[in-house]
C-alpha atoms as a PDB file:
ATOM      1  CA  MET A   1     -15.222 -12.077 -17.957  1.00  0.00           C
ATOM      2  CA  GLU A   2     -14.688 -12.251 -14.163  1.00  0.00           C
ATOM      3  CA  LYS A   3     -13.056  -9.119 -12.154  1.00  0.00           C
ATOM      4  CA  GLU A   4     -13.147  -9.464  -8.547  1.00  0.00           C
ATOM      5  CA  LEU A   5     -13.517  -5.741  -6.754  1.00  0.00           C
ATOM      6  CA  GLY A   6     -12.772  -6.862  -3.256  1.00  0.00           C
ATOM      7  CA  LYS A   7     -12.796  -9.298  -0.573  1.00  0.00           C
ATOM      8  CA  LEU A   8     -13.815  -8.796   3.190  1.00  0.00           C
ATOM      9  CA  LYS A   9     -12.694 -11.191   5.937  1.00  0.00           C
ATOM     10  CA  LYS A  10     -16.166 -12.818   7.522  1.00  0.00           C
ATOM     11  CA  ASN A  11     -14.306 -15.202   9.926  1.00  0.00           C
ATOM     12  CA  GLU A  12     -11.106 -17.240  10.065  1.00  0.00           C
ATOM     13  CA  THR A  13     -12.162 -19.588   7.447  1.00  0.00           C
ATOM     14  CA  THR A  14     -14.522 -17.128   5.314  1.00  0.00           C
ATOM     15  CA  ASP A  15     -14.529 -14.295   3.229  1.00  0.00           C
ATOM     16  CA  ILE A  16     -16.761 -12.500   1.462  1.00  0.00           C
ATOM     17  CA  ILE A  17     -15.884 -11.980  -2.395  1.00  0.00           C
ATOM     18  CA  ILE A  18     -17.636  -8.797  -4.369  1.00  0.00           C
ATOM     19  CA  ARG A  19     -16.790  -9.417  -8.280  1.00  0.00           C
ATOM     20  CA  VAL A  20     -18.227  -8.835 -11.638  1.00  0.00           C
ATOM     21  CA  ASP A  21     -18.850 -11.772 -13.640  1.00  0.00           C
ATOM     22  CA  GLU A  22     -20.774 -13.979 -16.242  1.00  0.00           C
ATOM     23  CA  TYR A  23     -23.509 -16.718 -15.068  1.00  0.00           C
ATOM     24  CA  LYS A  24     -25.360 -18.288 -18.008  1.00  0.00           C
ATOM     25  CA  GLY A  25     -24.248 -15.644 -20.281  1.00  0.00           C
ATOM     26  CA  LYS A  26     -25.540 -12.281 -18.246  1.00  0.00           C
ATOM     27  CA  LYS A  27     -23.178 -10.376 -16.482  1.00  0.00           C
ATOM     28  CA  GLY A  28     -23.543  -9.088 -13.000  1.00  0.00           C
ATOM     29  CA  LEU A  29     -22.802  -8.338  -9.611  1.00  0.00           C
ATOM     30  CA  THR A  30     -21.592 -11.180  -7.612  1.00  0.00           C
ATOM     31  CA  ILE A  31     -21.472 -10.909  -3.493  1.00  0.00           C
ATOM     32  CA  ARG A  32     -20.663 -14.549  -2.360  1.00  0.00           C
ATOM     33  CA  GLU A  33     -18.945 -16.291   0.826  1.00  0.00           C
ATOM     34  CA  PHE A  34     -15.557 -18.278  -0.115  1.00  0.00           C
ATOM     35  CA  VAL A  35     -14.498 -20.699   2.346  1.00  0.00           C
ATOM     36  CA  THR A  36     -10.873 -22.377   2.638  1.00  0.00           C
ATOM     37  CA  SER A  37     -10.954 -25.065   5.042  1.00  0.00           C
ATOM     38  CA  GLU A  38     -10.004 -28.980   4.936  1.00  0.00           C
ATOM     39  CA  LYS A  39     -13.340 -30.533   3.962  1.00  0.00           C
ATOM     40  CA  TYR A  40     -14.253 -27.789   1.105  1.00  0.00           C
ATOM     41  CA  THR A  41     -12.409 -24.853  -0.328  1.00  0.00           C
ATOM     42  CA  GLY A  42     -14.812 -22.742  -2.793  1.00  0.00           C
ATOM     43  CA  PHE A  43     -17.773 -20.691  -2.925  1.00  0.00           C
ATOM     44  CA  THR A  44     -20.583 -21.389  -1.244  1.00  0.00           C
ATOM     45  CA  LYS A  45     -24.214 -20.968  -1.888  1.00  0.00           C
ATOM     46  CA  ALA A  46     -24.692 -18.084   0.540  1.00  0.00           C
ATOM     47  CA  GLY A  47     -24.723 -14.782  -1.248  1.00  0.00           C
ATOM     48  CA  THR A  48     -26.599 -12.995  -3.727  1.00  0.00           C
ATOM     49  CA  ARG A  49     -26.134 -11.602  -7.433  1.00  0.00           C
ATOM     50  CA  ILE A  50     -27.310  -8.360  -8.636  1.00  0.00           C
ATOM     51  CA  SER A  51     -28.293  -8.181 -12.456  1.00  0.00           C
ATOM     52  CA  PRO A  52     -27.240  -5.034 -14.681  1.00  0.00           C
ATOM     53  CA  GLU A  53     -30.685  -3.757 -14.296  1.00  0.00           C
ATOM     54  CA  ASN A  54     -30.946  -3.790 -10.687  1.00  0.00           C
ATOM     55  CA  PHE A  55     -27.246  -2.245 -10.167  1.00  0.00           C
ATOM     56  CA  PHE A  56     -27.953   1.341 -10.275  1.00  0.00           C
ATOM     57  CA  SER A  57     -30.412   0.632  -7.600  1.00  0.00           C
ATOM     58  CA  PHE A  58     -28.567  -1.226  -5.666  1.00  0.00           C
ATOM     59  CA  ARG A  59     -25.900   1.213  -5.747  1.00  0.00           C
ATOM     60  CA  GLU A  60     -28.151   4.213  -4.941  1.00  0.00           C
ATOM     61  CA  MET A  61     -29.213   2.066  -1.981  1.00  0.00           C
ATOM     62  CA  ILE A  62     -25.768   1.723  -0.879  1.00  0.00           C
ATOM     63  CA  ASN A  63     -24.689   4.969  -1.053  1.00  0.00           C
ATOM     64  CA  SER A  64     -28.105   6.657   0.539  1.00  0.00           C
ATOM     65  CA  ILE A  65     -26.899   4.401   3.842  1.00  0.00           C
ATOM     66  CA  ASP A  66     -25.623   6.734   6.783  1.00  0.00           C
ATOM     67  CA  SER A  67     -22.704   4.419   8.419  1.00  0.00           C
ATOM     68  CA  LYS A  68     -23.120   6.301  11.528  1.00  0.00           C
ATOM     69  CA  GLU A  69     -26.947   4.724  12.018  1.00  0.00           C
ATOM     70  CA  PHE A  70     -25.465   1.248  11.874  1.00  0.00           C
ATOM     71  CA  MET A  71     -21.932   1.401  13.092  1.00  0.00           C
ATOM     72  CA  GLU A  72     -21.406   0.394  16.981  1.00  0.00           C
ATOM     73  CA  ASN A  73     -17.907   2.556  16.662  1.00  0.00           C
ATOM     74  CA  PRO A  74     -18.735   5.301  14.486  1.00  0.00           C
ATOM     75  CA  GLU A  75     -14.862   6.892  15.173  1.00  0.00           C
ATOM     76  CA  ILE A  76     -14.384   4.386  12.560  1.00  0.00           C
ATOM     77  CA  LEU A  77     -15.528   6.024   9.619  1.00  0.00           C
ATOM     78  CA  ASP A  78     -12.761   8.815  10.575  1.00  0.00           C
ATOM     79  CA  SER A  79      -9.878   6.174   9.284  1.00  0.00           C
ATOM     80  CA  LYS A  80      -9.890   5.866   5.619  1.00  0.00           C
ATOM     81  CA  PRO A  81      -8.399   2.714   4.421  1.00  0.00           C
ATOM     82  CA  LYS A  82      -4.750   3.293   3.537  1.00  0.00           C
ATOM     83  CA  LYS A  83      -3.635   2.893   0.204  1.00  0.00           C
ATOM     84  CA  GLU A  84      -0.365   1.554  -0.422  1.00  0.00           C
ATOM     85  CA  LYS A  85       2.677   3.933  -1.086  1.00  0.00           C
ATOM     86  CA  LYS A  86       4.378   4.122  -4.297  1.00  0.00           C
ATOM     87  CA  PRO A  87       8.520   4.642  -3.531  1.00  0.00           C
ATOM     88  CA  LYS A  88       9.098   7.892  -4.667  1.00  0.00           C
ATOM     89  CA  LYS A  89      11.328   8.208  -7.677  1.00  0.00           C
ATOM     90  CA  GLU A  90      14.431  10.565  -7.163  1.00  0.00           C
ATOM     91  CA  ALA A  91      14.525  14.029  -9.224  1.00  0.00           C
ATOM     92  CA  LYS A  92      16.741  13.670 -11.960  1.00  0.00           C
ATOM     93  CA  SER A  93      19.075  16.830 -12.135  1.00  0.00           C
ATOM     94  CA  GLU A  94      19.405  16.877 -16.094  1.00  0.00           C
ATOM     95  CA  SER A  95      21.327  19.522 -17.419  1.00  0.00           C
ATOM     96  CA  LEU A  96      20.637  21.077 -20.948  1.00  0.00           C
ATOM     97  CA  PRO A  97      23.091  20.113 -23.742  1.00  0.00           C
ATOM     98  CA  PRO A  98      25.801  22.953 -23.905  1.00  0.00           C
ATOM     99  CA  GLU A  99      24.138  24.246 -27.161  1.00  0.00           C
ATOM    100  CA  GLU A 100      21.194  24.920 -24.654  1.00  0.00           C
ATOM    101  CA  ASP A 101      22.816  26.326 -21.873  1.00  0.00           C
ATOM    102  CA  GLY A 102      23.116  29.598 -23.329  1.00  0.00           C
ATOM    103  CA  PRO A 103      26.202  31.284 -25.181  1.00  0.00           C
ATOM    104  CA  SER A 104      29.616  29.727 -24.251  1.00  0.00           C
ATOM    105  CA  GLU A 105      32.442  32.017 -23.098  1.00  0.00           C
ATOM    106  CA  GLU A 106      33.678  32.261 -26.848  1.00  0.00           C
ATOM    107  CA  GLU A 107      30.494  33.527 -27.961  1.00  0.00           C
ATOM    108  CA  LEU A 108      30.265  36.306 -25.379  1.00  0.00           C
ATOM    109  CA  ALA A 109      33.665  37.251 -26.200  1.00  0.00           C
ATOM    110  CA  GLN A 110      33.058  37.580 -29.774  1.00  0.00           C
ATOM    111  CA  GLU A 111      30.061  39.960 -28.973  1.00  0.00           C
END
């Protein structure tokens, strides 16, 4: 079981990969560097693993951060990452079958 949650660009050759995976039969949250270069492509030893037992404490710590305290440019916080917009579907104008449109002219004439 492996699920990549996200990727952050560290520099030209290194990304930080965040994923839920299994190691030695135990699930956990892995935050690890992934290098792409001529000499080596793959995960490095740099990173950490959060066990399920520590995950909720870790999440509380992350959520307690006031990002304005450590950001050099706090105005960045005002611009949220933009989600990819899905193309809008054209509205279909469907007419009802004749029997559901209402009484026909003939039916009205009979009344």
